[in-house]
Protein backbone atom coordinates (compact mmCIF):
# COMPACT_ATOMS: atom_id res chain seq x y z
CA UNK A 1 0.00 0.00 0.00
CA UNK A 2 1.04 3.54 -0.56
CA UNK A 3 1.51 6.09 2.19
CA UNK A 4 -1.77 7.80 1.27
CA UNK A 5 -3.74 4.57 1.49
CA UNK A 6 -2.23 3.80 4.88
CA UNK A 7 -3.23 7.25 6.10
CA UNK A 8 -6.85 6.91 4.87
CA UNK A 9 -7.28 3.31 6.04
CA UNK A 10 -8.62 3.99 9.57
CA UNK A 11 -10.85 6.98 8.80
CA UNK A 12 -14.59 6.65 9.59
CA UNK A 13 -15.71 7.17 5.99
CA UNK A 14 -14.48 3.66 5.20
CA UNK A 15 -16.47 2.07 8.05
CA UNK A 16 -20.18 1.84 7.13
CA UNK A 17 -21.11 0.89 10.72
CA UNK A 18 -20.36 4.44 11.85
CA UNK A 19 -23.49 5.64 10.03
CA UNK A 20 -25.97 2.88 10.98
CA UNK A 21 -27.65 4.95 13.73
CA UNK A 22 -28.16 7.99 11.51
CA UNK A 23 -31.83 8.67 10.70
CA UNK A 24 -32.96 11.66 8.74
CA UNK A 25 -36.32 12.30 10.42
CA UNK A 26 -38.05 15.47 9.31
CA UNK A 27 -40.05 15.50 12.57
CA UNK A 28 -36.97 15.69 14.78
CA UNK A 29 -35.67 18.84 13.08
CA UNK A 30 -35.87 22.02 15.06
CA UNK A 31 -37.37 24.88 13.10
CA UNK A 32 -34.52 26.93 11.73
CA UNK A 33 -35.08 30.67 11.79
CA UNK A 34 -34.13 32.27 8.51
CA UNK A 35 -31.80 35.23 8.80
CA UNK A 36 -33.24 38.64 8.06
CA UNK A 37 -32.28 40.01 4.66
CA UNK A 38 -31.97 43.66 3.65
CA UNK A 39 -34.26 44.53 0.77
CA UNK A 40 -33.47 47.94 -0.68
CA UNK A 41 -36.38 50.28 -1.39
CA UNK A 42 -34.45 52.49 -3.81
CA UNK A 43 -32.36 51.62 -6.81
CA UNK A 44 -28.87 53.05 -6.65
CA UNK A 45 -26.52 53.11 -9.65
CA UNK A 46 -24.04 50.27 -9.73
CA UNK A 47 -21.22 52.75 -10.43
CA UNK A 48 -21.74 54.33 -7.02
CA UNK A 49 -18.65 54.05 -4.85
CA UNK A 50 -18.98 53.98 -1.09
CA UNK A 51 -16.11 55.77 0.61
CA UNK A 52 -15.59 55.88 4.36
CA UNK A 53 -14.20 58.94 6.05
CA UNK A 54 -10.69 58.50 7.37
CA UNK A 55 -11.09 60.81 10.36
CA UNK A 56 -12.04 59.38 13.70
CA UNK A 57 -15.72 59.74 14.67
CA UNK A 58 -14.84 61.45 17.95
CA UNK A 59 -12.48 63.92 16.27
CA UNK A 60 -15.07 64.71 13.61
CA UNK A 61 -17.69 65.32 16.31
CA UNK A 62 -15.36 67.59 18.29
CA UNK A 63 -14.50 69.61 15.17
CA UNK A 64 -18.20 70.05 14.40
CA UNK A 65 -18.90 71.24 17.95
CA UNK A 66 -15.96 73.64 17.80
CA UNK A 67 -17.16 75.08 14.47
CA UNK A 68 -20.69 75.55 15.85
CA UNK A 69 -19.30 77.32 18.90
CA UNK A 70 -17.19 79.63 16.71
CA UNK A 71 -20.18 80.43 14.48
CA UNK A 72 -22.19 81.43 17.54
CA UNK A 73 -19.34 83.65 18.74
CA UNK A 74 -18.95 85.28 15.33
CA UNK A 75 -22.67 85.92 14.97
CA UNK A 76 -22.75 87.38 18.51
CA UNK A 77 -19.81 89.68 17.64
CA UNK A 78 -21.53 90.86 14.45
CA UNK A 79 -24.69 91.73 16.39
CA UNK A 80 -22.66 93.72 18.94
CA UNK A 81 -20.78 95.60 16.20
CA UNK A 82 -23.97 96.49 14.37
CA UNK A 83 -25.80 97.65 17.50
CA UNK A 84 -24.64 99.84 20.35
CA UNK A 85 -21.09 99.00 21.31
CA UNK A 86 -20.14 98.59 24.96
CA UNK A 87 -17.00 100.68 24.53
CA UNK A 88 -17.35 104.24 23.35
CA UNK A 89 -14.63 106.18 21.59
CA UNK A 90 -12.90 108.87 23.65
CA UNK A 91 -14.08 112.38 22.81
CA UNK A 92 -11.25 114.27 24.50
CA UNK A 93 -8.09 113.97 22.38
CA UNK A 94 -5.92 116.29 24.50
CA UNK A 95 -4.80 113.63 26.96
PDB file of N, CA and C in Angstrom:
ATOM      1  N   UNK A   1       0.828  -1.186   0.000  1.00  0.00           N
ATOM      2  CA  UNK A   1       0.000   0.000   0.000  1.00  0.00           C
ATOM      3  C   UNK A   1       0.872   1.248   0.000  1.00  0.00           C
ATOM      4  N   UNK A   2       0.301   2.288  -0.543  1.00  0.00           N
ATOM      5  CA  UNK A   2       1.042   3.544  -0.563  1.00  0.00           C
ATOM      6  C   UNK A   2       0.848   4.268   0.763  1.00  0.00           C
ATOM      7  N   UNK A   3       1.587   5.327   0.948  1.00  0.00           N
ATOM      8  CA  UNK A   3       1.507   6.092   2.193  1.00  0.00           C
ATOM      9  C   UNK A   3       0.135   6.750   2.339  1.00  0.00           C
ATOM     10  N   UNK A   4      -0.448   7.176   1.233  1.00  0.00           N
ATOM     11  CA  UNK A   4      -1.768   7.803   1.274  1.00  0.00           C
ATOM     12  C   UNK A   4      -2.830   6.797   1.677  1.00  0.00           C
ATOM     13  N   UNK A   5      -2.770   5.608   1.145  1.00  0.00           N
ATOM     14  CA  UNK A   5      -3.744   4.570   1.487  1.00  0.00           C
ATOM     15  C   UNK A   5      -3.622   4.179   2.949  1.00  0.00           C
ATOM     16  N   UNK A   6      -2.419   4.110   3.462  1.00  0.00           N
ATOM     17  CA  UNK A   6      -2.225   3.804   4.881  1.00  0.00           C
ATOM     18  C   UNK A   6      -2.829   4.895   5.765  1.00  0.00           C
ATOM     19  N   UNK A   7      -2.691   6.129   5.333  1.00  0.00           N
ATOM     20  CA  UNK A   7      -3.231   7.247   6.102  1.00  0.00           C
ATOM     21  C   UNK A   7      -4.761   7.219   6.123  1.00  0.00           C
ATOM     22  N   UNK A   8      -5.388   6.903   4.985  1.00  0.00           N
ATOM     23  CA  UNK A   8      -6.849   6.913   4.874  1.00  0.00           C
ATOM     24  C   UNK A   8      -7.501   5.636   5.391  1.00  0.00           C
ATOM     25  N   UNK A   9      -6.754   4.627   5.696  1.00  0.00           N
ATOM     26  CA  UNK A   9      -7.279   3.310   6.040  1.00  0.00           C
ATOM     27  C   UNK A   9      -8.180   3.334   7.275  1.00  0.00           C
ATOM     28  N   UNK A  10      -7.847   4.034   8.333  1.00  0.00           N
ATOM     29  CA  UNK A  10      -8.618   3.991   9.568  1.00  0.00           C
ATOM     30  C   UNK A  10      -9.668   5.083   9.710  1.00  0.00           C
ATOM     31  N   UNK A  11      -9.885   5.885   8.694  1.00  0.00           N
ATOM     32  CA  UNK A  11     -10.852   6.978   8.798  1.00  0.00           C
ATOM     33  C   UNK A  11     -12.283   6.448   8.797  1.00  0.00           C
ATOM     34  N   UNK A  12     -13.224   7.149   9.453  1.00  0.00           N
ATOM     35  CA  UNK A  12     -14.595   6.655   9.590  1.00  0.00           C
ATOM     36  C   UNK A  12     -15.355   6.539   8.273  1.00  0.00           C
ATOM     37  N   UNK A  13     -14.966   7.237   7.244  1.00  0.00           N
ATOM     38  CA  UNK A  13     -15.710   7.167   5.991  1.00  0.00           C
ATOM     39  C   UNK A  13     -15.591   5.785   5.348  1.00  0.00           C
ATOM     40  N   UNK A  14     -14.619   5.003   5.756  1.00  0.00           N
ATOM     41  CA  UNK A  14     -14.476   3.659   5.203  1.00  0.00           C
ATOM     42  C   UNK A  14     -15.237   2.622   6.023  1.00  0.00           C
ATOM     43  N   UNK A  15     -15.740   2.999   7.203  1.00  0.00           N
ATOM     44  CA  UNK A  15     -16.466   2.073   8.052  1.00  0.00           C
ATOM     45  C   UNK A  15     -17.950   2.404   7.983  1.00  0.00           C
ATOM     46  N   UNK A  16     -18.753   1.577   7.297  1.00  0.00           N
ATOM     47  CA  UNK A  16     -20.179   1.836   7.129  1.00  0.00           C
ATOM     48  C   UNK A  16     -20.935   1.749   8.444  1.00  0.00           C
ATOM     49  N   UNK A  17     -20.430   1.034   9.428  1.00  0.00           N
ATOM     50  CA  UNK A  17     -21.113   0.893  10.717  1.00  0.00           C
ATOM     51  C   UNK A  17     -21.174   2.205  11.496  1.00  0.00           C
ATOM     52  N   UNK A  18     -20.332   3.147  11.170  1.00  0.00           N
ATOM     53  CA  UNK A  18     -20.363   4.439  11.855  1.00  0.00           C
ATOM     54  C   UNK A  18     -21.640   5.213  11.551  1.00  0.00           C
ATOM     55  N   UNK A  19     -22.316   4.894  10.451  1.00  0.00           N
ATOM     56  CA  UNK A  19     -23.494   5.639  10.033  1.00  0.00           C
ATOM     57  C   UNK A  19     -24.776   4.827  10.164  1.00  0.00           C
ATOM     58  N   UNK A  20     -24.768   3.722  10.877  1.00  0.00           N
ATOM     59  CA  UNK A  20     -25.967   2.882  10.981  1.00  0.00           C
ATOM     60  C   UNK A  20     -27.025   3.511  11.865  1.00  0.00           C
ATOM     61  N   UNK A  21     -26.666   4.342  12.833  1.00  0.00           N
ATOM     62  CA  UNK A  21     -27.650   4.955  13.728  1.00  0.00           C
ATOM     63  C   UNK A  21     -28.156   6.299  13.216  1.00  0.00           C
ATOM     64  N   UNK A  22     -27.727   6.714  12.067  1.00  0.00           N
ATOM     65  CA  UNK A  22     -28.155   7.993  11.508  1.00  0.00           C
ATOM     66  C   UNK A  22     -29.518   7.851  10.855  1.00  0.00           C
ATOM     67  N   UNK A  23     -30.489   8.649  11.293  1.00  0.00           N
ATOM     68  CA  UNK A  23     -31.830   8.665  10.697  1.00  0.00           C
ATOM     69  C   UNK A  23     -32.167  10.108  10.357  1.00  0.00           C
ATOM     70  N   UNK A  24     -32.592  10.309   9.152  1.00  0.00           N
ATOM     71  CA  UNK A  24     -32.956  11.663   8.744  1.00  0.00           C
ATOM     72  C   UNK A  24     -34.461  11.847   8.905  1.00  0.00           C
ATOM     73  N   UNK A  25     -34.907  12.061  10.139  1.00  0.00           N
ATOM     74  CA  UNK A  25     -36.321  12.298  10.417  1.00  0.00           C
ATOM     75  C   UNK A  25     -36.619  13.778  10.255  1.00  0.00           C
ATOM     76  N   UNK A  26     -37.641  14.087   9.484  1.00  0.00           N
ATOM     77  CA  UNK A  26     -38.048  15.469   9.311  1.00  0.00           C
ATOM     78  C   UNK A  26     -38.729  15.980  10.578  1.00  0.00           C
ATOM     79  N   UNK A  27     -39.340  15.076  11.369  1.00  0.00           N
ATOM     80  CA  UNK A  27     -40.052  15.495  12.572  1.00  0.00           C
ATOM     81  C   UNK A  27     -39.102  15.898  13.694  1.00  0.00           C
ATOM     82  N   UNK A  28     -37.908  15.380  13.704  1.00  0.00           N
ATOM     83  CA  UNK A  28     -36.972  15.693  14.782  1.00  0.00           C
ATOM     84  C   UNK A  28     -36.210  16.990  14.540  1.00  0.00           C
ATOM     85  N   UNK A  29     -36.383  17.593  13.382  1.00  0.00           N
ATOM     86  CA  UNK A  29     -35.675  18.835  13.083  1.00  0.00           C
ATOM     87  C   UNK A  29     -36.278  19.994  13.874  1.00  0.00           C
ATOM     88  N   UNK A  30     -35.435  20.811  14.382  1.00  0.00           N
ATOM     89  CA  UNK A  30     -35.865  22.021  15.061  1.00  0.00           C
ATOM     90  C   UNK A  30     -36.057  23.080  13.980  1.00  0.00           C
ATOM     91  N   UNK A  31     -37.115  23.872  14.124  1.00  0.00           N
ATOM     92  CA  UNK A  31     -37.367  24.882  13.101  1.00  0.00           C
ATOM     93  C   UNK A  31     -36.203  25.869  13.067  1.00  0.00           C
ATOM     94  N   UNK A  32     -35.673  26.050  11.905  1.00  0.00           N
ATOM     95  CA  UNK A  32     -34.524  26.928  11.730  1.00  0.00           C
ATOM     96  C   UNK A  32     -35.040  28.300  11.324  1.00  0.00           C
ATOM     97  N   UNK A  33     -34.662  29.303  12.093  1.00  0.00           N
ATOM     98  CA  UNK A  33     -35.080  30.666  11.786  1.00  0.00           C
ATOM     99  C   UNK A  33     -34.220  31.208  10.652  1.00  0.00           C
ATOM    100  N   UNK A  34     -34.877  31.718   9.645  1.00  0.00           N
ATOM    101  CA  UNK A  34     -34.134  32.273   8.514  1.00  0.00           C
ATOM    102  C   UNK A  34     -33.575  33.632   8.891  1.00  0.00           C
ATOM    103  N   UNK A  35     -32.378  33.924   8.471  1.00  0.00           N
ATOM    104  CA  UNK A  35     -31.804  35.233   8.802  1.00  0.00           C
ATOM    105  C   UNK A  35     -32.531  36.347   8.062  1.00  0.00           C
ATOM    106  N   UNK A  36     -32.598  37.510   8.700  1.00  0.00           N
ATOM    107  CA  UNK A  36     -33.241  38.644   8.058  1.00  0.00           C
ATOM    108  C   UNK A  36     -32.358  39.142   6.919  1.00  0.00           C
ATOM    109  N   UNK A  37     -32.995  39.584   5.867  1.00  0.00           N
ATOM    110  CA  UNK A  37     -32.284  40.011   4.664  1.00  0.00           C
ATOM    111  C   UNK A  37     -32.680  41.446   4.363  1.00  0.00           C
ATOM    112  N   UNK A  38     -31.711  42.273   4.010  1.00  0.00           N
ATOM    113  CA  UNK A  38     -31.974  43.658   3.655  1.00  0.00           C
ATOM    114  C   UNK A  38     -32.511  43.722   2.237  1.00  0.00           C
ATOM    115  N   UNK A  39     -33.676  44.318   2.084  1.00  0.00           N
ATOM    116  CA  UNK A  39     -34.262  44.526   0.768  1.00  0.00           C
ATOM    117  C   UNK A  39     -34.295  46.024   0.505  1.00  0.00           C
ATOM    118  N   UNK A  40     -33.514  46.499  -0.438  1.00  0.00           N
ATOM    119  CA  UNK A  40     -33.469  47.942  -0.685  1.00  0.00           C
ATOM    120  C   UNK A  40     -34.781  48.452  -1.264  1.00  0.00           C
ATOM    121  N   UNK A  41     -35.153  49.669  -0.875  1.00  0.00           N
ATOM    122  CA  UNK A  41     -36.377  50.278  -1.387  1.00  0.00           C
ATOM    123  C   UNK A  41     -36.095  51.224  -2.543  1.00  0.00           C
ATOM    124  N   UNK A  42     -34.835  51.604  -2.709  1.00  0.00           N
ATOM    125  CA  UNK A  42     -34.454  52.493  -3.807  1.00  0.00           C
ATOM    126  C   UNK A  42     -33.392  51.810  -4.649  1.00  0.00           C
ATOM    127  N   UNK A  43     -33.384  52.134  -5.912  1.00  0.00           N
ATOM    128  CA  UNK A  43     -32.358  51.618  -6.815  1.00  0.00           C
ATOM    129  C   UNK A  43     -31.223  52.635  -6.886  1.00  0.00           C
ATOM    130  N   UNK A  44     -30.041  52.202  -6.558  1.00  0.00           N
ATOM    131  CA  UNK A  44     -28.869  53.051  -6.651  1.00  0.00           C
ATOM    132  C   UNK A  44     -28.026  52.588  -7.834  1.00  0.00           C
ATOM    133  N   UNK A  45     -27.345  53.513  -8.504  1.00  0.00           N
ATOM    134  CA  UNK A  45     -26.524  53.109  -9.647  1.00  0.00           C
ATOM    135  C   UNK A  45     -25.394  52.184  -9.215  1.00  0.00           C
ATOM    136  N   UNK A  46     -25.080  51.234 -10.068  1.00  0.00           N
ATOM    137  CA  UNK A  46     -24.036  50.268  -9.730  1.00  0.00           C
ATOM    138  C   UNK A  46     -22.647  50.906  -9.745  1.00  0.00           C
ATOM    139  N   UNK A  47     -22.507  52.071 -10.380  1.00  0.00           N
ATOM    140  CA  UNK A  47     -21.216  52.748 -10.429  1.00  0.00           C
ATOM    141  C   UNK A  47     -20.926  53.502  -9.139  1.00  0.00           C
ATOM    142  N   UNK A  48     -21.914  53.571  -8.251  1.00  0.00           N
ATOM    143  CA  UNK A  48     -21.745  54.326  -7.016  1.00  0.00           C
ATOM    144  C   UNK A  48     -20.654  53.689  -6.160  1.00  0.00           C
ATOM    145  N   UNK A  49     -19.758  54.528  -5.671  1.00  0.00           N
ATOM    146  CA  UNK A  49     -18.649  54.054  -4.854  1.00  0.00           C
ATOM    147  C   UNK A  49     -18.872  54.542  -3.424  1.00  0.00           C
ATOM    148  N   UNK A  50     -18.816  53.629  -2.488  1.00  0.00           N
ATOM    149  CA  UNK A  50     -18.980  53.975  -1.085  1.00  0.00           C
ATOM    150  C   UNK A  50     -17.594  54.214  -0.503  1.00  0.00           C
ATOM    151  N   UNK A  51     -17.402  55.399   0.056  1.00  0.00           N
ATOM    152  CA  UNK A  51     -16.111  55.774   0.615  1.00  0.00           C
ATOM    153  C   UNK A  51     -16.316  56.119   2.086  1.00  0.00           C
ATOM    154  N   UNK A  52     -15.499  55.559   2.937  1.00  0.00           N
ATOM    155  CA  UNK A  52     -15.591  55.884   4.356  1.00  0.00           C
ATOM    156  C   UNK A  52     -14.649  57.030   4.671  1.00  0.00           C
ATOM    157  N   UNK A  53     -15.050  57.827   5.648  1.00  0.00           N
ATOM    158  CA  UNK A  53     -14.197  58.936   6.053  1.00  0.00           C
ATOM    159  C   UNK A  53     -13.041  58.405   6.881  1.00  0.00           C
ATOM    160  N   UNK A  54     -11.882  58.997   6.689  1.00  0.00           N
ATOM    161  CA  UNK A  54     -10.692  58.499   7.367  1.00  0.00           C
ATOM    162  C   UNK A  54     -10.506  59.113   8.746  1.00  0.00           C
ATOM    163  N   UNK A  55     -11.248  60.202   9.046  1.00  0.00           N
ATOM    164  CA  UNK A  55     -11.089  60.814  10.360  1.00  0.00           C
ATOM    165  C   UNK A  55     -11.888  60.035  11.393  1.00  0.00           C
ATOM    166  N   UNK A  56     -11.402  60.059  12.592  1.00  0.00           N
ATOM    167  CA  UNK A  56     -12.040  59.384  13.702  1.00  0.00           C
ATOM    168  C   UNK A  56     -13.396  60.030  13.987  1.00  0.00           C
ATOM    169  N   UNK A  57     -14.376  59.231  14.403  1.00  0.00           N
ATOM    170  CA  UNK A  57     -15.719  59.743  14.673  1.00  0.00           C
ATOM    171  C   UNK A  57     -15.675  60.783  15.784  1.00  0.00           C
ATOM    172  N   UNK A  58     -14.924  60.514  16.830  1.00  0.00           N
ATOM    173  CA  UNK A  58     -14.839  61.449  17.952  1.00  0.00           C
ATOM    174  C   UNK A  58     -14.208  62.763  17.519  1.00  0.00           C
ATOM    175  N   UNK A  59     -13.120  62.690  16.744  1.00  0.00           N
ATOM    176  CA  UNK A  59     -12.477  63.915  16.268  1.00  0.00           C
ATOM    177  C   UNK A  59     -13.408  64.715  15.373  1.00  0.00           C
ATOM    178  N   UNK A  60     -14.130  64.029  14.496  1.00  0.00           N
ATOM    179  CA  UNK A  60     -15.069  64.715  13.611  1.00  0.00           C
ATOM    180  C   UNK A  60     -16.154  65.415  14.432  1.00  0.00           C
ATOM    181  N   UNK A  61     -16.664  64.734  15.453  1.00  0.00           N
ATOM    182  CA  UNK A  61     -17.692  65.318  16.312  1.00  0.00           C
ATOM    183  C   UNK A  61     -17.157  66.553  17.030  1.00  0.00           C
ATOM    184  N   UNK A  62     -15.939  66.455  17.574  1.00  0.00           N
ATOM    185  CA  UNK A  62     -15.359  67.590  18.288  1.00  0.00           C
ATOM    186  C   UNK A  62     -15.129  68.780  17.361  1.00  0.00           C
ATOM    187  N   UNK A  63     -14.684  68.518  16.137  1.00  0.00           N
ATOM    188  CA  UNK A  63     -14.502  69.606  15.168  1.00  0.00           C
ATOM    189  C   UNK A  63     -15.834  70.271  14.845  1.00  0.00           C
ATOM    190  N   UNK A  64     -16.881  69.481  14.682  1.00  0.00           N
ATOM    191  CA  UNK A  64     -18.202  70.051  14.401  1.00  0.00           C
ATOM    192  C   UNK A  64     -18.676  70.924  15.555  1.00  0.00           C
ATOM    193  N   UNK A  65     -18.487  70.451  16.784  1.00  0.00           N
ATOM    194  CA  UNK A  65     -18.898  71.239  17.948  1.00  0.00           C
ATOM    195  C   UNK A  65     -18.103  72.536  18.027  1.00  0.00           C
ATOM    196  N   UNK A  66     -16.807  72.457  17.751  1.00  0.00           N
ATOM    197  CA  UNK A  66     -15.962  73.640  17.799  1.00  0.00           C
ATOM    198  C   UNK A  66     -16.396  74.658  16.745  1.00  0.00           C
ATOM    199  N   UNK A  67     -16.715  74.173  15.527  1.00  0.00           N
ATOM    200  CA  UNK A  67     -17.162  75.076  14.466  1.00  0.00           C
ATOM    201  C   UNK A  67     -18.489  75.725  14.828  1.00  0.00           C
ATOM    202  N   UNK A  68     -19.407  74.979  15.432  1.00  0.00           N
ATOM    203  CA  UNK A  68     -20.693  75.555  15.847  1.00  0.00           C
ATOM    204  C   UNK A  68     -20.484  76.634  16.901  1.00  0.00           C
ATOM    205  N   UNK A  69     -19.578  76.356  17.840  1.00  0.00           N
ATOM    206  CA  UNK A  69     -19.301  77.317  18.896  1.00  0.00           C
ATOM    207  C   UNK A  69     -18.720  78.594  18.299  1.00  0.00           C
ATOM    208  N   UNK A  70     -17.797  78.458  17.349  1.00  0.00           N
ATOM    209  CA  UNK A  70     -17.194  79.631  16.714  1.00  0.00           C
ATOM    210  C   UNK A  70     -18.218  80.416  15.908  1.00  0.00           C
ATOM    211  N   UNK A  71     -19.135  79.732  15.238  1.00  0.00           N
ATOM    212  CA  UNK A  71     -20.176  80.429  14.478  1.00  0.00           C
ATOM    213  C   UNK A  71     -21.057  81.250  15.403  1.00  0.00           C
ATOM    214  N   UNK A  72     -21.375  80.688  16.575  1.00  0.00           N
ATOM    215  CA  UNK A  72     -22.194  81.429  17.541  1.00  0.00           C
ATOM    216  C   UNK A  72     -21.451  82.660  18.028  1.00  0.00           C
ATOM    217  N   UNK A  73     -20.145  82.513  18.290  1.00  0.00           N
ATOM    218  CA  UNK A  73     -19.344  83.655  18.740  1.00  0.00           C
ATOM    219  C   UNK A  73     -19.284  84.733  17.666  1.00  0.00           C
ATOM    220  N   UNK A  74     -19.050  84.319  16.424  1.00  0.00           N
ATOM    221  CA  UNK A  74     -18.949  85.282  15.325  1.00  0.00           C
ATOM    222  C   UNK A  74     -20.267  86.007  15.114  1.00  0.00           C
ATOM    223  N   UNK A  75     -21.368  85.272  15.169  1.00  0.00           N
ATOM    224  CA  UNK A  75     -22.666  85.921  14.974  1.00  0.00           C
ATOM    225  C   UNK A  75     -22.967  86.858  16.139  1.00  0.00           C
ATOM    226  N   UNK A  76     -22.551  86.507  17.354  1.00  0.00           N
ATOM    227  CA  UNK A  76     -22.752  87.384  18.507  1.00  0.00           C
ATOM    228  C   UNK A  76     -21.902  88.643  18.361  1.00  0.00           C
ATOM    229  N   UNK A  77     -20.680  88.522  17.853  1.00  0.00           N
ATOM    230  CA  UNK A  77     -19.812  89.685  17.645  1.00  0.00           C
ATOM    231  C   UNK A  77     -20.379  90.601  16.574  1.00  0.00           C
ATOM    232  N   UNK A  78     -20.952  90.053  15.525  1.00  0.00           N
ATOM    233  CA  UNK A  78     -21.534  90.860  14.454  1.00  0.00           C
ATOM    234  C   UNK A  78     -22.732  91.644  14.967  1.00  0.00           C
ATOM    235  N   UNK A  79     -23.525  91.044  15.828  1.00  0.00           N
ATOM    236  CA  UNK A  79     -24.685  91.729  16.394  1.00  0.00           C
ATOM    237  C   UNK A  79     -24.221  92.881  17.269  1.00  0.00           C
ATOM    238  N   UNK A  80     -23.169  92.661  18.070  1.00  0.00           N
ATOM    239  CA  UNK A  80     -22.657  93.718  18.935  1.00  0.00           C
ATOM    240  C   UNK A  80     -22.072  94.863  18.116  1.00  0.00           C
ATOM    241  N   UNK A  81     -21.379  94.563  17.040  1.00  0.00           N
ATOM    242  CA  UNK A  81     -20.782  95.601  16.203  1.00  0.00           C
ATOM    243  C   UNK A  81     -21.858  96.419  15.503  1.00  0.00           C
ATOM    244  N   UNK A  82     -22.904  95.782  15.077  1.00  0.00           N
ATOM    245  CA  UNK A  82     -23.965  96.489  14.370  1.00  0.00           C
ATOM    246  C   UNK A  82     -24.796  97.347  15.301  1.00  0.00           C
ATOM    247  N   UNK A  83     -24.988  96.917  16.533  1.00  0.00           N
ATOM    248  CA  UNK A  83     -25.805  97.655  17.497  1.00  0.00           C
ATOM    249  C   UNK A  83     -24.949  98.611  18.289  1.00  0.00           C
ATOM    250  N   UNK A  84     -25.409  98.928  19.496  1.00  0.00           N
ATOM    251  CA  UNK A  84     -24.643  99.836  20.346  1.00  0.00           C
ATOM    252  C   UNK A  84     -23.459  99.080  20.936  1.00  0.00           C
ATOM    253  N   UNK A  85     -22.297  99.641  20.798  1.00  0.00           N
ATOM    254  CA  UNK A  85     -21.092  99.004  21.305  1.00  0.00           C
ATOM    255  C   UNK A  85     -20.959  99.284  22.794  1.00  0.00           C
ATOM    256  N   UNK A  86     -20.332  98.390  23.529  1.00  0.00           N
ATOM    257  CA  UNK A  86     -20.140  98.591  24.956  1.00  0.00           C
ATOM    258  C   UNK A  86     -19.072  99.658  25.206  1.00  0.00           C
ATOM    259  N   UNK A  87     -18.052  99.684  24.378  1.00  0.00           N
ATOM    260  CA  UNK A  87     -17.000 100.684  24.529  1.00  0.00           C
ATOM    261  C   UNK A  87     -17.319 101.864  23.615  1.00  0.00           C
ATOM    262  N   UNK A  88     -17.110 103.042  24.148  1.00  0.00           N
ATOM    263  CA  UNK A  88     -17.348 104.242  23.348  1.00  0.00           C
ATOM    264  C   UNK A  88     -16.007 104.915  23.057  1.00  0.00           C
ATOM    265  N   UNK A  89     -15.890 105.496  21.897  1.00  0.00           N
ATOM    266  CA  UNK A  89     -14.633 106.182  21.594  1.00  0.00           C
ATOM    267  C   UNK A  89     -14.457 107.420  22.483  1.00  0.00           C
ATOM    268  N   UNK A  90     -13.207 107.729  22.796  1.00  0.00           N
ATOM    269  CA  UNK A  90     -12.897 108.871  23.650  1.00  0.00           C
ATOM    270  C   UNK A  90     -13.109 110.166  22.867  1.00  0.00           C
ATOM    271  N   UNK A  91     -13.806 111.114  23.476  1.00  0.00           N
ATOM    272  CA  UNK A  91     -14.077 112.382  22.809  1.00  0.00           C
ATOM    273  C   UNK A  91     -12.947 113.390  23.030  1.00  0.00           C
ATOM    274  N   UNK A  92     -12.316 113.334  24.186  1.00  0.00           N
ATOM    275  CA  UNK A  92     -11.247 114.268  24.504  1.00  0.00           C
ATOM    276  C   UNK A  92      -9.930 113.735  23.950  1.00  0.00           C
ATOM    277  N   UNK A  93      -9.331 114.422  22.999  1.00  0.00           N
ATOM    278  CA  UNK A  93      -8.089 113.967  22.380  1.00  0.00           C
ATOM    279  C   UNK A  93      -6.864 114.669  22.958  1.00  0.00           C
ATOM    280  N   UNK A  94      -7.039 115.531  23.959  1.00  0.00           N
ATOM    281  CA  UNK A  94      -5.916 116.291  24.504  1.00  0.00           C
ATOM    282  C   UNK A  94      -5.134 115.529  25.573  1.00  0.00           C
ATOM    283  N   UNK A  95      -5.469 114.365  25.891  1.00  0.00           N
ATOM    284  CA  UNK A  95      -4.801 113.628  26.959  1.00  0.00           C
ATOM    285  C   UNK A  95      -3.455 113.137  26.600  1.00  0.00           C
TER     286      UNK A  95
END
